[in-house]
Amino acid sequence: MKGYIPIEIPTKLYIKGFILAELGEKPVMDRDNLIGCKMCDLLNYRTNEFGSKKSSRYNTTIKLYIRYYIFKHRGHHLNFTNLKNFNQFIEKYIKDRFYFLMDFYIDVFPSFEANLPTVRKHLKISEEYWDTDSMRKDYYRYRLEIGKPLFYNKSLRQMSHYKKLEINKDIFTK
């Protein structure tokens, strides 16, 4: 891409999937989008000539593109702290959207597995980037943390059967 400088940053797999889904195969970090604004705010010139710490928490890298103007005036480097801040910002953004959507759909239909495809569609994150088991565990931790009950132990079919029995029981007791 002419006029753009590629920078490669370490990140988590689902953050990479989210950025690629939101901004395309060649994500341009510009002030036109939230992710680009955060990136531009954290960029600086390389100040650590001896190398920076490597973190084991990031399992993949993503190539992002910044305009030459930003490269010239802000730099193209994320130090260890800014890299962590960028990843935490995107992770919190994704998870807040995930929790909000899942809570909404759980209120309508109380089944994690039934609502997950719809939530994935809204988030634009495929199972390739964020597996179902990891999403389930994360959502259960969130519900425990805020004090919400987990889920009904019965399936919807069983629940509707019990409601029918309660209605019939009321008819006979009157």
C-alpha atoms as a PDB file:
ATOM      1  CA  MET A   1       0.000   0.000   0.000  1.00  0.00           C
ATOM      2  CA  LYS A   2       1.538   3.217  -1.146  1.00  0.00           C
ATOM      3  CA  GLY A   3       1.724   5.964   1.458  1.00  0.00           C
ATOM      4  CA  TYR A   4       1.419   3.559   4.389  1.00  0.00           C
ATOM      5  CA  ILE A   5       4.005   1.997   6.688  1.00  0.00           C
ATOM      6  CA  PRO A   6       3.387  -1.563   7.947  1.00  0.00           C
ATOM      7  CA  ILE A   7       3.997  -2.303  11.612  1.00  0.00           C
ATOM      8  CA  GLU A   8       3.688  -5.739  13.137  1.00  0.00           C
ATOM      9  CA  ILE A   9       2.508  -6.079  16.714  1.00  0.00           C
ATOM     10  CA  PRO A  10       1.985  -9.123  18.937  1.00  0.00           C
ATOM     11  CA  THR A  11      -1.598  -9.752  20.046  1.00  0.00           C
ATOM     12  CA  LYS A  12      -4.081 -12.456  20.991  1.00  0.00           C
ATOM     13  CA  LEU A  13      -5.756 -14.487  18.276  1.00  0.00           C
ATOM     14  CA  TYR A  14      -9.308 -13.221  18.850  1.00  0.00           C
ATOM     15  CA  ILE A  15      -8.117  -9.602  18.922  1.00  0.00           C
ATOM     16  CA  LYS A  16      -6.474 -10.200  15.555  1.00  0.00           C
ATOM     17  CA  GLY A  17      -9.684 -11.760  14.230  1.00  0.00           C
ATOM     18  CA  PHE A  18     -11.755  -8.832  15.472  1.00  0.00           C
ATOM     19  CA  ILE A  19      -9.467  -6.198  13.936  1.00  0.00           C
ATOM     20  CA  LEU A  20      -9.376  -8.023  10.603  1.00  0.00           C
ATOM     21  CA  ALA A  21     -13.171  -8.373  10.604  1.00  0.00           C
ATOM     22  CA  GLU A  22     -13.720  -4.711  11.474  1.00  0.00           C
ATOM     23  CA  LEU A  23     -11.050  -3.097   9.288  1.00  0.00           C
ATOM     24  CA  GLY A  24     -10.389  -5.610   6.494  1.00  0.00           C
ATOM     25  CA  GLU A  25      -7.367  -7.676   5.438  1.00  0.00           C
ATOM     26  CA  LYS A  26      -5.058  -4.643   5.472  1.00  0.00           C
ATOM     27  CA  PRO A  27      -6.188  -2.701   8.543  1.00  0.00           C
ATOM     28  CA  VAL A  28      -5.320   0.979   8.299  1.00  0.00           C
ATOM     29  CA  MET A  29      -4.818   2.703  11.621  1.00  0.00           C
ATOM     30  CA  ASP A  30      -6.269   6.145  11.134  1.00  0.00           C
ATOM     31  CA  ARG A  31      -8.220   8.580  13.267  1.00  0.00           C
ATOM     32  CA  ASP A  32     -11.405   7.567  11.434  1.00  0.00           C
ATOM     33  CA  ASN A  33     -12.025   4.560  13.704  1.00  0.00           C
ATOM     34  CA  LEU A  34     -11.753   3.818  17.421  1.00  0.00           C
ATOM     35  CA  ILE A  35      -8.978   1.238  17.061  1.00  0.00           C
ATOM     36  CA  GLY A  36      -6.923   3.557  14.880  1.00  0.00           C
ATOM     37  CA  CYS A  37      -7.354   6.458  17.301  1.00  0.00           C
ATOM     38  CA  LYS A  38      -6.057   4.366  20.188  1.00  0.00           C
ATOM     39  CA  MET A  39      -3.109   3.126  18.117  1.00  0.00           C
ATOM     40  CA  CYS A  40      -2.172   6.655  17.021  1.00  0.00           C
ATOM     41  CA  ASP A  41      -2.291   7.866  20.619  1.00  0.00           C
ATOM     42  CA  LEU A  42       0.134   5.160  21.766  1.00  0.00           C
ATOM     43  CA  LEU A  43       2.698   5.305  18.957  1.00  0.00           C
ATOM     44  CA  ASN A  44       6.081   6.793  19.685  1.00  0.00           C
ATOM     45  CA  TYR A  45       9.621   6.768  18.372  1.00  0.00           C
ATOM     46  CA  ARG A  46      11.777   3.847  19.377  1.00  0.00           C
ATOM     47  CA  THR A  47      13.367   4.844  22.673  1.00  0.00           C
ATOM     48  CA  ASN A  48      14.619   1.480  23.881  1.00  0.00           C
ATOM     49  CA  GLU A  49      17.628   0.726  21.681  1.00  0.00           C
ATOM     50  CA  PHE A  50      18.413  -2.484  23.573  1.00  0.00           C
ATOM     51  CA  GLY A  51      15.148  -4.176  22.674  1.00  0.00           C
ATOM     52  CA  SER A  52      11.946  -4.493  24.590  1.00  0.00           C
ATOM     53  CA  LYS A  53      10.573  -7.242  26.776  1.00  0.00           C
ATOM     54  CA  LYS A  54       8.775 -10.052  25.009  1.00  0.00           C
ATOM     55  CA  SER A  55       5.504 -11.182  26.494  1.00  0.00           C
ATOM     56  CA  SER A  56       4.247 -14.753  26.362  1.00  0.00           C
ATOM     57  CA  ARG A  57       0.606 -13.653  26.678  1.00  0.00           C
ATOM     58  CA  TYR A  58       0.351 -12.885  22.957  1.00  0.00           C
ATOM     59  CA  ASN A  59       0.172 -15.902  20.676  1.00  0.00           C
ATOM     60  CA  THR A  60       0.097 -14.234  17.243  1.00  0.00           C
ATOM     61  CA  THR A  61       1.002 -11.037  15.433  1.00  0.00           C
ATOM     62  CA  ILE A  62      -0.962  -8.701  13.205  1.00  0.00           C
ATOM     63  CA  LYS A  63       0.292  -6.371  10.525  1.00  0.00           C
ATOM     64  CA  LEU A  64      -1.272  -2.930  10.783  1.00  0.00           C
ATOM     65  CA  TYR A  65      -0.743   0.004   8.453  1.00  0.00           C
ATOM     66  CA  ILE A  66      -0.190   3.613   9.478  1.00  0.00           C
ATOM     67  CA  ARG A  67      -0.054   6.619   7.195  1.00  0.00           C
ATOM     68  CA  TYR A  68       3.362   8.045   6.408  1.00  0.00           C
ATOM     69  CA  TYR A  69       2.328  11.340   8.027  1.00  0.00           C
ATOM     70  CA  ILE A  70       1.640   9.588  11.345  1.00  0.00           C
ATOM     71  CA  PHE A  71       4.877   7.630  11.015  1.00  0.00           C
ATOM     72  CA  LYS A  72       6.797  10.865  10.507  1.00  0.00           C
ATOM     73  CA  HIS A  73       5.160  12.827  13.334  1.00  0.00           C
ATOM     74  CA  ARG A  74       4.278  10.189  15.943  1.00  0.00           C
ATOM     75  CA  GLY A  75       6.661   7.308  15.251  1.00  0.00           C
ATOM     76  CA  HIS A  76       5.977   3.651  14.555  1.00  0.00           C
ATOM     77  CA  HIS A  77       6.876   1.887  17.764  1.00  0.00           C
ATOM     78  CA  LEU A  78       4.798   0.580  20.667  1.00  0.00           C
ATOM     79  CA  ASN A  79       6.876   0.072  23.785  1.00  0.00           C
ATOM     80  CA  PHE A  80       6.008  -2.793  26.128  1.00  0.00           C
ATOM     81  CA  THR A  81       3.580  -0.729  28.215  1.00  0.00           C
ATOM     82  CA  ASN A  82       1.803   0.810  25.229  1.00  0.00           C
ATOM     83  CA  LEU A  83       1.550  -2.582  23.529  1.00  0.00           C
ATOM     84  CA  LYS A  84      -0.095  -3.979  26.646  1.00  0.00           C
ATOM     85  CA  ASN A  85      -2.422  -0.951  26.872  1.00  0.00           C
ATOM     86  CA  PHE A  86      -3.452  -1.275  23.213  1.00  0.00           C
ATOM     87  CA  ASN A  87      -4.233  -4.986  23.569  1.00  0.00           C
ATOM     88  CA  GLN A  88      -6.128  -4.463  26.837  1.00  0.00           C
ATOM     89  CA  PHE A  89      -8.170  -1.664  25.284  1.00  0.00           C
ATOM     90  CA  ILE A  90      -9.227  -3.802  22.308  1.00  0.00           C
ATOM     91  CA  GLU A  91      -9.829  -6.851  24.536  1.00  0.00           C
ATOM     92  CA  LYS A  92     -12.068  -4.862  26.892  1.00  0.00           C
ATOM     93  CA  TYR A  93     -13.959  -3.408  23.937  1.00  0.00           C
ATOM     94  CA  ILE A  94     -14.588  -6.871  22.461  1.00  0.00           C
ATOM     95  CA  LYS A  95     -15.574  -8.457  25.765  1.00  0.00           C
ATOM     96  CA  ASP A  96     -17.904  -5.613  26.752  1.00  0.00           C
ATOM     97  CA  ARG A  97     -19.732  -6.019  23.440  1.00  0.00           C
ATOM     98  CA  PHE A  98     -19.751  -9.806  23.891  1.00  0.00           C
ATOM     99  CA  TYR A  99     -21.204  -9.595  27.425  1.00  0.00           C
ATOM    100  CA  PHE A 100     -23.825  -7.031  26.405  1.00  0.00           C
ATOM    101  CA  LEU A 101     -24.992  -9.050  23.400  1.00  0.00           C
ATOM    102  CA  MET A 102     -24.985 -12.370  25.254  1.00  0.00           C
ATOM    103  CA  ASP A 103     -26.901 -10.891  28.216  1.00  0.00           C
ATOM    104  CA  PHE A 104     -29.489  -9.483  25.827  1.00  0.00           C
ATOM    105  CA  TYR A 105     -29.977 -12.780  23.989  1.00  0.00           C
ATOM    106  CA  ILE A 106     -29.887 -14.836  27.210  1.00  0.00           C
ATOM    107  CA  ASP A 107     -32.782 -12.719  28.540  1.00  0.00           C
ATOM    108  CA  VAL A 108     -34.751 -13.585  25.405  1.00  0.00           C
ATOM    109  CA  PHE A 109     -33.778 -17.259  25.163  1.00  0.00           C
ATOM    110  CA  PRO A 110     -31.807 -18.746  28.102  1.00  0.00           C
ATOM    111  CA  SER A 111     -29.298 -20.925  26.236  1.00  0.00           C
ATOM    112  CA  PHE A 112     -25.658 -20.069  25.667  1.00  0.00           C
ATOM    113  CA  GLU A 113     -25.196 -22.552  22.812  1.00  0.00           C
ATOM    114  CA  ALA A 114     -28.315 -21.385  20.972  1.00  0.00           C
ATOM    115  CA  ASN A 115     -27.367 -17.700  21.208  1.00  0.00           C
ATOM    116  CA  LEU A 116     -23.661 -18.021  20.436  1.00  0.00           C
ATOM    117  CA  PRO A 117     -23.957 -18.120  16.604  1.00  0.00           C
ATOM    118  CA  THR A 118     -25.975 -14.880  16.643  1.00  0.00           C
ATOM    119  CA  VAL A 119     -23.495 -13.189  18.972  1.00  0.00           C
ATOM    120  CA  ARG A 120     -20.573 -14.393  16.821  1.00  0.00           C
ATOM    121  CA  LYS A 121     -22.295 -12.910  13.782  1.00  0.00           C
ATOM    122  CA  HIS A 122     -22.639  -9.521  15.511  1.00  0.00           C
ATOM    123  CA  LEU A 123     -19.036  -9.564  16.742  1.00  0.00           C
ATOM    124  CA  LYS A 124     -17.753 -10.880  13.391  1.00  0.00           C
ATOM    125  CA  ILE A 125     -15.434 -13.336  15.181  1.00  0.00           C
ATOM    126  CA  SER A 126     -15.355 -16.871  13.850  1.00  0.00           C
ATOM    127  CA  GLU A 127     -14.598 -19.984  15.877  1.00  0.00           C
ATOM    128  CA  GLU A 128     -11.205 -20.047  14.185  1.00  0.00           C
ATOM    129  CA  TYR A 129     -10.180 -16.976  16.199  1.00  0.00           C
ATOM    130  CA  TRP A 130     -12.090 -17.495  19.469  1.00  0.00           C
ATOM    131  CA  ASP A 131     -13.222 -21.022  20.269  1.00  0.00           C
ATOM    132  CA  THR A 132     -16.593 -21.790  21.842  1.00  0.00           C
ATOM    133  CA  ASP A 133     -15.203 -23.308  25.036  1.00  0.00           C
ATOM    134  CA  SER A 134     -13.110 -20.234  25.746  1.00  0.00           C
ATOM    135  CA  MET A 135     -16.090 -17.942  25.144  1.00  0.00           C
ATOM    136  CA  ARG A 136     -18.293 -20.041  27.437  1.00  0.00           C
ATOM    137  CA  LYS A 137     -15.738 -19.999  30.263  1.00  0.00           C
ATOM    138  CA  ASP A 138     -15.205 -16.273  29.874  1.00  0.00           C
ATOM    139  CA  TYR A 139     -18.931 -15.583  29.942  1.00  0.00           C
ATOM    140  CA  TYR A 140     -19.497 -17.809  32.985  1.00  0.00           C
ATOM    141  CA  ARG A 141     -16.681 -16.009  34.837  1.00  0.00           C
ATOM    142  CA  TYR A 142     -18.284 -12.678  33.976  1.00  0.00           C
ATOM    143  CA  ARG A 143     -21.706 -13.807  35.263  1.00  0.00           C
ATOM    144  CA  LEU A 144     -20.190 -15.112  38.503  1.00  0.00           C
ATOM    145  CA  GLU A 145     -18.226 -11.890  38.962  1.00  0.00           C
ATOM    146  CA  ILE A 146     -21.283  -9.657  38.696  1.00  0.00           C
ATOM    147  CA  GLY A 147     -23.499 -11.986  40.709  1.00  0.00           C
ATOM    148  CA  LYS A 148     -25.889 -13.104  37.975  1.00  0.00           C
ATOM    149  CA  PRO A 149     -27.153 -16.681  38.036  1.00  0.00           C
ATOM    150  CA  LEU A 150     -25.500 -18.933  35.489  1.00  0.00           C
ATOM    151  CA  PHE A 151     -28.183 -20.717  33.474  1.00  0.00           C
ATOM    152  CA  TYR A 152     -31.129 -22.979  33.890  1.00  0.00           C
ATOM    153  CA  ASN A 153     -30.139 -26.630  34.310  1.00  0.00           C
ATOM    154  CA  LYS A 154     -33.063 -27.760  32.196  1.00  0.00           C
ATOM    155  CA  SER A 155     -33.353 -27.451  28.463  1.00  0.00           C
ATOM    156  CA  LEU A 156     -36.074 -25.250  27.018  1.00  0.00           C
ATOM    157  CA  ARG A 157     -38.140 -28.299  26.066  1.00  0.00           C
ATOM    158  CA  GLN A 158     -38.022 -29.571  29.645  1.00  0.00           C
ATOM    159  CA  MET A 159     -38.826 -26.134  31.037  1.00  0.00           C
ATOM    160  CA  SER A 160     -41.892 -25.744  28.831  1.00  0.00           C
ATOM    161  CA  HIS A 161     -43.038 -29.237  29.882  1.00  0.00           C
ATOM    162  CA  TYR A 162     -42.821 -28.275  33.564  1.00  0.00           C
ATOM    163  CA  LYS A 163     -44.731 -25.054  32.952  1.00  0.00           C
ATOM    164  CA  LYS A 164     -47.514 -27.056  31.307  1.00  0.00           C
ATOM    165  CA  LEU A 165     -47.623 -29.367  34.322  1.00  0.00           C
ATOM    166  CA  GLU A 166     -47.870 -26.406  36.710  1.00  0.00           C
ATOM    167  CA  ILE A 167     -50.732 -24.922  34.683  1.00  0.00           C
ATOM    168  CA  ASN A 168     -52.589 -28.257  34.674  1.00  0.00           C
ATOM    169  CA  LYS A 169     -51.921 -28.682  38.393  1.00  0.00           C
ATOM    170  CA  ASP A 170     -53.523 -25.289  39.082  1.00  0.00           C
ATOM    171  CA  ILE A 171     -56.657 -26.260  37.147  1.00  0.00           C
ATOM    172  CA  PHE A 172     -57.150 -29.395  39.257  1.00  0.00           C
ATOM    173  CA  THR A 173     -56.504 -27.756  42.625  1.00  0.00           C
ATOM    174  CA  LYS A 174     -59.202 -25.078  42.284  1.00  0.00           C
END
